[in-house]
Amino acid sequence: MPLNGIGFFYLCIVIKDMSSMKWKKKGVDSVDYINGYQISEVWGTYHYIAREIAPRLKAFKALDKHGWPEDFENQEDWNKAIQKMIDAFELVKDYSPSFDEDIQTVEQGVELFCKYFRDLSD
């Protein structure tokens, strides 16, 4: 399933007419902000979200969880899927993957993230 599939809506952020929402945060002349966020974080939303998600997935994987989604046989299999999610977000934290293998890793991990998004709780 490509990243632009219907399951990907969890990661989509829509920013309308960014140029009309641009403003400077008081006391900080050198950094532009949009709706309270640094413009560099908004332009790189994909990377910013990955940097926020990856460490939380690592912490979640380390939990002694009380269960797993019914698609998995056991905790070990669930943790392997979580690791695939982690691998995907680690790859896109700081750059956009360009190698086919990396792109496949990201697509697989994001697809798992979207599919099991509601299961990422204990």
N, C-alpha and C. Protein backbone atom coordinates (compact mmCIF):
# COMPACT_ATOMS: atom_id res chain seq x y z
N MET A 1 0.85 -1.18 0.00
CA MET A 1 0.00 0.00 0.00
C MET A 1 0.89 1.24 0.00
N PRO A 2 0.70 2.16 -0.93
CA PRO A 2 1.54 3.34 -0.99
C PRO A 2 1.26 4.27 0.20
N LEU A 3 2.22 5.13 0.50
CA LEU A 3 2.08 6.05 1.63
C LEU A 3 0.89 6.99 1.48
N ASN A 4 0.41 7.21 0.27
CA ASN A 4 -0.72 8.11 0.11
C ASN A 4 -2.06 7.38 0.19
N GLY A 5 -2.05 6.16 0.66
CA GLY A 5 -3.27 5.38 0.79
C GLY A 5 -4.17 5.92 1.89
N ILE A 6 -5.37 5.39 1.97
CA ILE A 6 -6.37 5.90 2.91
C ILE A 6 -5.92 5.74 4.36
N GLY A 7 -5.16 4.69 4.67
CA GLY A 7 -4.69 4.50 6.03
C GLY A 7 -3.69 5.54 6.47
N PHE A 8 -3.14 6.27 5.54
CA PHE A 8 -2.12 7.26 5.86
C PHE A 8 -2.70 8.55 6.43
N PHE A 9 -4.02 8.66 6.50
CA PHE A 9 -4.63 9.91 6.95
C PHE A 9 -4.23 10.27 8.37
N TYR A 10 -3.80 9.31 9.19
CA TYR A 10 -3.37 9.61 10.54
C TYR A 10 -2.18 10.55 10.56
N LEU A 11 -1.34 10.50 9.53
CA LEU A 11 -0.14 11.31 9.50
C LEU A 11 -0.28 12.58 8.69
N CYS A 12 -1.40 12.78 8.04
CA CYS A 12 -1.56 13.94 7.15
C CYS A 12 -1.91 15.19 7.95
N ILE A 13 -1.24 16.25 7.64
CA ILE A 13 -1.53 17.54 8.26
C ILE A 13 -1.77 18.54 7.13
N VAL A 14 -2.91 19.22 7.18
CA VAL A 14 -3.25 20.17 6.14
C VAL A 14 -3.01 21.58 6.67
N ILE A 15 -2.23 22.34 5.93
CA ILE A 15 -1.96 23.73 6.30
C ILE A 15 -2.46 24.59 5.14
N LYS A 16 -3.49 25.39 5.42
CA LYS A 16 -4.10 26.19 4.37
C LYS A 16 -3.48 27.58 4.33
N ASP A 17 -3.20 28.03 3.16
CA ASP A 17 -2.73 29.39 2.89
C ASP A 17 -1.68 29.84 3.90
N MET A 18 -0.58 29.12 3.93
CA MET A 18 0.48 29.39 4.90
C MET A 18 0.99 30.82 4.83
N SER A 19 1.03 31.42 3.67
CA SER A 19 1.60 32.76 3.56
C SER A 19 0.78 33.79 4.32
N SER A 20 -0.51 33.60 4.41
CA SER A 20 -1.33 34.59 5.12
C SER A 20 -1.29 34.39 6.63
N MET A 21 -0.76 33.26 7.11
CA MET A 21 -0.71 33.00 8.54
C MET A 21 0.67 33.26 9.14
N LYS A 22 1.60 33.74 8.34
CA LYS A 22 2.97 33.94 8.79
C LYS A 22 3.04 35.13 9.75
N TRP A 23 3.73 34.96 10.86
CA TRP A 23 3.95 36.04 11.81
C TRP A 23 5.23 35.82 12.56
N LYS A 24 5.70 36.85 13.22
CA LYS A 24 6.93 36.78 14.01
C LYS A 24 6.55 36.67 15.48
N LYS A 25 7.20 35.76 16.18
CA LYS A 25 6.97 35.61 17.61
C LYS A 25 7.63 36.78 18.32
N LYS A 26 6.95 37.36 19.27
CA LYS A 26 7.45 38.53 19.98
C LYS A 26 8.81 38.23 20.63
N GLY A 27 9.76 39.10 20.38
CA GLY A 27 11.08 38.97 20.98
C GLY A 27 12.03 38.08 20.19
N VAL A 28 11.56 37.45 19.15
CA VAL A 28 12.42 36.59 18.33
C VAL A 28 12.30 37.07 16.89
N ASP A 29 13.26 37.89 16.45
CA ASP A 29 13.18 38.48 15.12
C ASP A 29 13.67 37.58 14.01
N SER A 30 14.52 36.61 14.34
CA SER A 30 15.15 35.83 13.28
C SER A 30 14.42 34.53 12.95
N VAL A 31 13.36 34.20 13.66
CA VAL A 31 12.65 32.94 13.43
C VAL A 31 11.21 33.24 13.05
N ASP A 32 10.78 32.73 11.92
CA ASP A 32 9.39 32.89 11.50
C ASP A 32 8.53 31.80 12.13
N TYR A 33 7.29 32.15 12.43
CA TYR A 33 6.35 31.22 13.04
C TYR A 33 5.06 31.20 12.25
N ILE A 34 4.38 30.06 12.27
CA ILE A 34 3.05 29.90 11.70
C ILE A 34 2.21 29.23 12.77
N ASN A 35 1.16 29.91 13.19
CA ASN A 35 0.26 29.38 14.23
C ASN A 35 1.03 28.87 15.44
N GLY A 36 2.11 29.56 15.81
CA GLY A 36 2.87 29.20 17.00
C GLY A 36 3.97 28.17 16.79
N TYR A 37 4.14 27.69 15.57
CA TYR A 37 5.18 26.70 15.28
C TYR A 37 6.26 27.33 14.41
N GLN A 38 7.50 26.99 14.69
CA GLN A 38 8.58 27.48 13.84
C GLN A 38 8.33 27.03 12.41
N ILE A 39 8.54 27.93 11.49
CA ILE A 39 8.25 27.62 10.09
C ILE A 39 9.08 26.43 9.60
N SER A 40 10.30 26.28 10.13
CA SER A 40 11.12 25.13 9.71
C SER A 40 10.49 23.82 10.16
N GLU A 41 9.78 23.83 11.29
CA GLU A 41 9.09 22.62 11.74
C GLU A 41 7.85 22.35 10.90
N VAL A 42 7.21 23.41 10.42
CA VAL A 42 6.02 23.25 9.58
C VAL A 42 6.42 22.75 8.20
N TRP A 43 7.44 23.37 7.62
CA TRP A 43 7.91 22.92 6.31
C TRP A 43 8.36 21.47 6.36
N GLY A 44 8.97 21.08 7.47
CA GLY A 44 9.48 19.72 7.63
C GLY A 44 8.60 18.89 8.56
N THR A 45 7.29 19.06 8.45
CA THR A 45 6.36 18.35 9.34
C THR A 45 6.62 16.85 9.33
N TYR A 46 6.86 16.29 8.19
CA TYR A 46 7.13 14.86 8.02
C TYR A 46 8.29 14.43 8.93
N HIS A 47 9.37 15.21 8.89
CA HIS A 47 10.54 14.89 9.69
C HIS A 47 10.29 15.17 11.18
N TYR A 48 9.61 16.28 11.46
CA TYR A 48 9.33 16.64 12.85
C TYR A 48 8.48 15.57 13.53
N ILE A 49 7.43 15.11 12.84
CA ILE A 49 6.57 14.08 13.42
C ILE A 49 7.37 12.80 13.65
N ALA A 50 8.23 12.43 12.71
CA ALA A 50 9.05 11.22 12.85
C ALA A 50 9.96 11.33 14.07
N ARG A 51 10.55 12.52 14.30
CA ARG A 51 11.42 12.70 15.46
C ARG A 51 10.64 12.59 16.77
N GLU A 52 9.39 12.94 16.77
CA GLU A 52 8.55 12.84 17.96
C GLU A 52 8.04 11.41 18.18
N ILE A 53 7.71 10.72 17.11
CA ILE A 53 7.11 9.39 17.21
C ILE A 53 8.14 8.31 17.55
N ALA A 54 9.32 8.35 16.92
CA ALA A 54 10.32 7.28 17.08
C ALA A 54 10.66 7.00 18.55
N PRO A 55 11.00 8.02 19.37
CA PRO A 55 11.34 7.70 20.76
C PRO A 55 10.16 7.18 21.57
N ARG A 56 8.97 7.62 21.24
CA ARG A 56 7.78 7.13 21.96
C ARG A 56 7.50 5.67 21.61
N LEU A 57 7.71 5.31 20.35
CA LEU A 57 7.55 3.91 19.96
C LEU A 57 8.59 3.04 20.66
N LYS A 58 9.82 3.54 20.79
CA LYS A 58 10.86 2.79 21.50
C LYS A 58 10.46 2.56 22.96
N ALA A 59 9.94 3.60 23.59
CA ALA A 59 9.49 3.47 24.99
C ALA A 59 8.33 2.49 25.09
N PHE A 60 7.39 2.58 24.15
CA PHE A 60 6.24 1.67 24.15
C PHE A 60 6.69 0.23 23.97
N LYS A 61 7.64 0.00 23.07
CA LYS A 61 8.15 -1.35 22.84
C LYS A 61 8.78 -1.91 24.11
N ALA A 62 9.45 -1.06 24.88
CA ALA A 62 10.14 -1.50 26.09
C ALA A 62 9.18 -1.82 27.25
N LEU A 63 7.94 -1.37 27.14
CA LEU A 63 6.95 -1.65 28.20
C LEU A 63 6.69 -3.15 28.33
N ASP A 64 6.40 -3.57 29.54
CA ASP A 64 5.91 -4.92 29.76
C ASP A 64 4.39 -4.85 29.55
N LYS A 65 3.99 -4.97 28.30
CA LYS A 65 2.60 -4.74 27.93
C LYS A 65 1.68 -5.88 28.40
N HIS A 66 0.42 -5.56 28.56
CA HIS A 66 -0.57 -6.52 29.05
C HIS A 66 -1.29 -7.26 27.93
N GLY A 67 -0.88 -7.02 26.71
CA GLY A 67 -1.54 -7.69 25.60
C GLY A 67 -0.97 -7.22 24.27
N TRP A 68 -1.60 -7.66 23.20
CA TRP A 68 -1.18 -7.31 21.85
C TRP A 68 -2.39 -7.46 20.94
N PRO A 69 -2.34 -6.85 19.77
CA PRO A 69 -3.47 -6.99 18.84
C PRO A 69 -3.68 -8.45 18.45
N GLU A 70 -4.91 -8.78 18.15
CA GLU A 70 -5.25 -10.18 17.87
C GLU A 70 -4.60 -10.72 16.60
N ASP A 71 -4.07 -9.83 15.76
CA ASP A 71 -3.38 -10.29 14.55
C ASP A 71 -2.05 -10.97 14.85
N PHE A 72 -1.56 -10.84 16.08
CA PHE A 72 -0.25 -11.37 16.45
C PHE A 72 -0.42 -12.55 17.39
N GLU A 73 0.53 -13.48 17.29
CA GLU A 73 0.51 -14.70 18.11
C GLU A 73 0.91 -14.41 19.55
N ASN A 74 1.87 -13.49 19.73
CA ASN A 74 2.41 -13.25 21.08
C ASN A 74 3.08 -11.88 21.15
N GLN A 75 3.60 -11.57 22.32
CA GLN A 75 4.27 -10.30 22.59
C GLN A 75 5.48 -10.10 21.68
N GLU A 76 6.22 -11.14 21.43
CA GLU A 76 7.43 -11.06 20.60
C GLU A 76 7.08 -10.61 19.17
N ASP A 77 6.03 -11.19 18.61
CA ASP A 77 5.60 -10.82 17.26
C ASP A 77 5.13 -9.36 17.22
N TRP A 78 4.41 -8.94 18.25
CA TRP A 78 3.93 -7.56 18.34
C TRP A 78 5.12 -6.60 18.43
N ASN A 79 6.13 -6.97 19.23
CA ASN A 79 7.32 -6.13 19.35
C ASN A 79 8.09 -6.04 18.03
N LYS A 80 8.08 -7.11 17.23
CA LYS A 80 8.74 -7.07 15.92
C LYS A 80 8.04 -6.06 15.00
N ALA A 81 6.72 -6.02 15.07
CA ALA A 81 5.97 -5.05 14.26
C ALA A 81 6.26 -3.63 14.74
N ILE A 82 6.32 -3.45 16.05
CA ILE A 82 6.65 -2.13 16.60
C ILE A 82 8.04 -1.71 16.14
N GLN A 83 8.98 -2.66 16.11
CA GLN A 83 10.34 -2.34 15.65
C GLN A 83 10.34 -1.89 14.19
N LYS A 84 9.49 -2.48 13.37
CA LYS A 84 9.39 -2.06 11.98
C LYS A 84 8.88 -0.61 11.90
N MET A 85 7.95 -0.26 12.78
CA MET A 85 7.47 1.12 12.84
C MET A 85 8.62 2.05 13.24
N ILE A 86 9.37 1.64 14.27
CA ILE A 86 10.51 2.43 14.74
C ILE A 86 11.51 2.63 13.61
N ASP A 87 11.85 1.56 12.92
CA ASP A 87 12.81 1.63 11.81
C ASP A 87 12.35 2.64 10.76
N ALA A 88 11.07 2.64 10.45
CA ALA A 88 10.53 3.56 9.44
C ALA A 88 10.72 5.01 9.88
N PHE A 89 10.32 5.31 11.12
CA PHE A 89 10.41 6.69 11.58
C PHE A 89 11.85 7.13 11.81
N GLU A 90 12.71 6.21 12.18
CA GLU A 90 14.13 6.53 12.32
C GLU A 90 14.72 6.93 10.96
N LEU A 91 14.28 6.27 9.91
CA LEU A 91 14.80 6.57 8.57
C LEU A 91 14.39 7.96 8.09
N VAL A 92 13.25 8.45 8.51
CA VAL A 92 12.79 9.74 8.00
C VAL A 92 12.95 10.88 8.99
N LYS A 93 13.56 10.62 10.12
CA LYS A 93 13.74 11.70 11.10
C LYS A 93 14.49 12.89 10.53
N ASP A 94 15.55 12.64 9.79
CA ASP A 94 16.42 13.72 9.35
C ASP A 94 16.56 13.85 7.84
N TYR A 95 16.06 12.90 7.09
CA TYR A 95 16.16 13.00 5.63
C TYR A 95 15.05 12.17 5.00
N SER A 96 14.84 12.40 3.73
CA SER A 96 13.85 11.62 2.98
C SER A 96 14.56 10.47 2.28
N PRO A 97 14.19 9.25 2.58
CA PRO A 97 14.85 8.09 1.97
C PRO A 97 14.76 8.11 0.45
N SER A 98 15.85 7.68 -0.19
CA SER A 98 15.85 7.65 -1.65
C SER A 98 16.19 6.27 -2.20
N PHE A 99 16.73 5.40 -1.37
CA PHE A 99 17.04 4.05 -1.82
C PHE A 99 15.78 3.19 -1.74
N ASP A 100 15.59 2.32 -2.73
CA ASP A 100 14.39 1.49 -2.77
C ASP A 100 14.16 0.71 -1.49
N GLU A 101 15.24 0.15 -0.93
CA GLU A 101 15.11 -0.63 0.30
C GLU A 101 14.62 0.23 1.46
N ASP A 102 15.15 1.45 1.56
CA ASP A 102 14.71 2.36 2.63
C ASP A 102 13.26 2.78 2.43
N ILE A 103 12.90 3.04 1.19
CA ILE A 103 11.52 3.44 0.90
C ILE A 103 10.56 2.32 1.26
N GLN A 104 10.92 1.08 0.96
CA GLN A 104 10.09 -0.07 1.33
C GLN A 104 9.96 -0.18 2.84
N THR A 105 11.07 0.02 3.54
CA THR A 105 11.06 -0.05 5.01
C THR A 105 10.11 1.01 5.58
N VAL A 106 10.18 2.21 5.04
CA VAL A 106 9.31 3.30 5.50
C VAL A 106 7.86 2.97 5.19
N GLU A 107 7.57 2.54 3.97
CA GLU A 107 6.18 2.23 3.61
C GLU A 107 5.61 1.13 4.49
N GLN A 108 6.40 0.09 4.74
CA GLN A 108 5.92 -1.02 5.57
C GLN A 108 5.68 -0.55 7.01
N GLY A 109 6.63 0.20 7.56
CA GLY A 109 6.50 0.67 8.94
C GLY A 109 5.35 1.63 9.13
N VAL A 110 5.16 2.55 8.18
CA VAL A 110 4.06 3.51 8.29
C VAL A 110 2.72 2.81 8.11
N GLU A 111 2.68 1.83 7.22
CA GLU A 111 1.45 1.06 7.04
C GLU A 111 1.07 0.35 8.35
N LEU A 112 2.05 -0.25 9.01
CA LEU A 112 1.80 -0.90 10.31
C LEU A 112 1.36 0.13 11.34
N PHE A 113 2.02 1.28 11.35
CA PHE A 113 1.66 2.34 12.29
C PHE A 113 0.21 2.76 12.10
N CYS A 114 -0.20 2.97 10.86
CA CYS A 114 -1.59 3.35 10.58
C CYS A 114 -2.57 2.25 10.97
N LYS A 115 -2.23 1.03 10.62
CA LYS A 115 -3.12 -0.10 10.90
C LYS A 115 -3.31 -0.33 12.40
N TYR A 116 -2.22 -0.19 13.16
CA TYR A 116 -2.28 -0.49 14.60
C TYR A 116 -2.22 0.75 15.47
N PHE A 117 -2.51 1.90 14.88
CA PHE A 117 -2.46 3.16 15.61
C PHE A 117 -3.25 3.11 16.92
N ARG A 118 -4.44 2.56 16.88
CA ARG A 118 -5.29 2.50 18.07
C ARG A 118 -4.85 1.43 19.07
N ASP A 119 -3.91 0.59 18.66
CA ASP A 119 -3.38 -0.45 19.56
C ASP A 119 -2.11 -0.01 20.27
N LEU A 120 -1.67 1.21 20.01
CA LEU A 120 -0.45 1.70 20.64
C LEU A 120 -0.75 2.29 22.00
N SER A 121 -1.40 1.48 22.81
CA SER A 121 -1.70 1.83 24.22
C SER A 121 -1.71 0.54 25.01
N ASP A 122 -1.56 0.68 26.29
CA ASP A 122 -1.51 -0.52 27.12
C ASP A 122 -2.60 -0.49 28.14
